[in-house]
Amino acid sequence: MRRSIDDHPQAVDDIPPGVDEAVAMSWAVAVSDDYDDAEPRVVLTVEEVSRSRGGLVVHLQPAMARRLRIALRDALREIGEDPGA
């Protein structure tokens, strides 16, 4: 099973001013259980916009996906943003 959950290609306007040599990136989140152990994992892909199949893919077990979610929540709080639900 493979299922896409969400993705977002950055536009040039998404890159903060003052970041030199920034490249528009794309991220995608999916779930998959196409592994030898058939355990489902969260799949995070980050790649340069318009250069598909050239990115980095992380296959996260549930505990690591939760750790990443908590880190993103904490980062949002640190910058004064509501982390949402």
Protein backbone atom coordinates (compact mmCIF):
# COMPACT_ATOMS: atom_id res chain seq x y z
CA MET A 1 0.00 0.00 0.00
CA ARG A 2 1.21 3.47 -0.87
CA ARG A 3 -0.88 6.55 -0.29
CA SER A 4 -0.03 10.21 -0.69
CA ILE A 5 -1.11 12.38 2.25
CA ASP A 6 0.03 15.92 1.36
CA ASP A 7 2.67 17.79 -0.61
CA HIS A 8 3.76 21.35 -1.29
CA PRO A 9 6.14 22.76 -3.89
CA GLN A 10 7.66 26.03 -2.71
CA ALA A 11 7.30 29.09 -4.89
CA VAL A 12 10.12 31.61 -5.13
CA ASP A 13 7.99 33.92 -2.94
CA ASP A 14 8.10 31.29 -0.15
CA ILE A 15 11.86 31.75 0.28
CA PRO A 16 12.68 34.37 2.94
CA PRO A 17 14.47 37.53 1.78
CA GLY A 18 18.17 37.50 2.48
CA VAL A 19 18.65 33.76 1.98
CA ASP A 20 21.47 33.53 -0.55
CA GLU A 21 21.52 30.76 -3.12
CA ALA A 22 18.17 29.37 -1.95
CA VAL A 23 16.50 26.82 -4.16
CA ALA A 24 12.75 26.25 -4.23
CA MET A 25 12.08 22.90 -2.59
CA SER A 26 9.14 20.54 -2.47
CA TRP A 27 8.04 18.27 0.35
CA ALA A 28 5.67 15.34 0.28
CA VAL A 29 4.27 13.07 2.99
CA ALA A 30 2.93 9.61 2.24
CA VAL A 31 2.35 6.29 3.97
CA SER A 32 3.63 2.95 2.75
CA ASP A 33 3.90 -0.65 3.89
CA ASP A 34 5.86 -1.88 0.85
CA TYR A 35 8.74 -3.23 2.92
CA ASP A 36 10.03 -6.72 3.64
CA ASP A 37 8.50 -6.55 7.14
CA ALA A 38 5.18 -5.11 5.80
CA GLU A 39 5.10 -2.58 8.67
CA PRO A 40 3.51 0.76 7.73
CA ARG A 41 5.75 3.81 7.81
CA VAL A 42 5.45 7.52 7.14
CA VAL A 43 7.46 8.54 4.09
CA LEU A 44 8.85 12.08 3.91
CA THR A 45 10.35 13.25 0.61
CA VAL A 46 12.21 16.54 0.12
CA GLU A 47 13.48 17.52 -3.31
CA GLU A 48 14.25 20.49 -5.49
CA VAL A 49 11.21 21.78 -7.40
CA SER A 50 11.23 20.52 -11.00
CA ARG A 51 13.84 17.84 -10.24
CA SER A 52 11.65 14.91 -9.28
CA ARG A 53 13.25 11.61 -8.32
CA GLY A 54 16.36 13.44 -7.20
CA GLY A 55 15.38 14.13 -3.61
CA LEU A 56 15.89 12.62 -0.21
CA VAL A 57 13.40 10.10 1.14
CA VAL A 58 13.05 9.21 4.82
CA HIS A 59 11.04 6.14 5.86
CA LEU A 60 9.91 6.89 9.42
CA GLN A 61 8.62 4.33 11.88
CA PRO A 62 5.67 5.65 13.92
CA ALA A 63 7.82 6.69 16.91
CA MET A 64 10.12 8.80 14.71
CA ALA A 65 7.15 10.35 12.86
CA ARG A 66 5.73 11.39 16.24
CA ARG A 67 9.11 12.81 17.26
CA LEU A 68 9.21 14.88 14.07
CA ARG A 69 5.64 16.08 14.67
CA ILE A 70 6.57 17.17 18.21
CA ALA A 71 9.69 18.95 16.95
CA LEU A 72 7.62 20.88 14.37
CA ARG A 73 5.04 21.75 17.03
CA ASP A 74 7.75 22.99 19.38
CA ALA A 75 9.38 25.03 16.61
CA LEU A 76 6.06 26.72 15.83
CA ARG A 77 5.57 27.57 19.51
CA GLU A 78 9.13 28.90 19.71
CA ILE A 79 8.38 31.44 16.97
CA GLY A 80 5.08 32.44 18.57
CA GLU A 81 2.78 30.54 16.23
CA ASP A 82 -0.19 28.39 17.19
CA PRO A 83 0.87 24.78 16.50
CA GLY A 84 -2.71 23.78 15.67
CA ALA A 85 -4.29 20.45 16.41
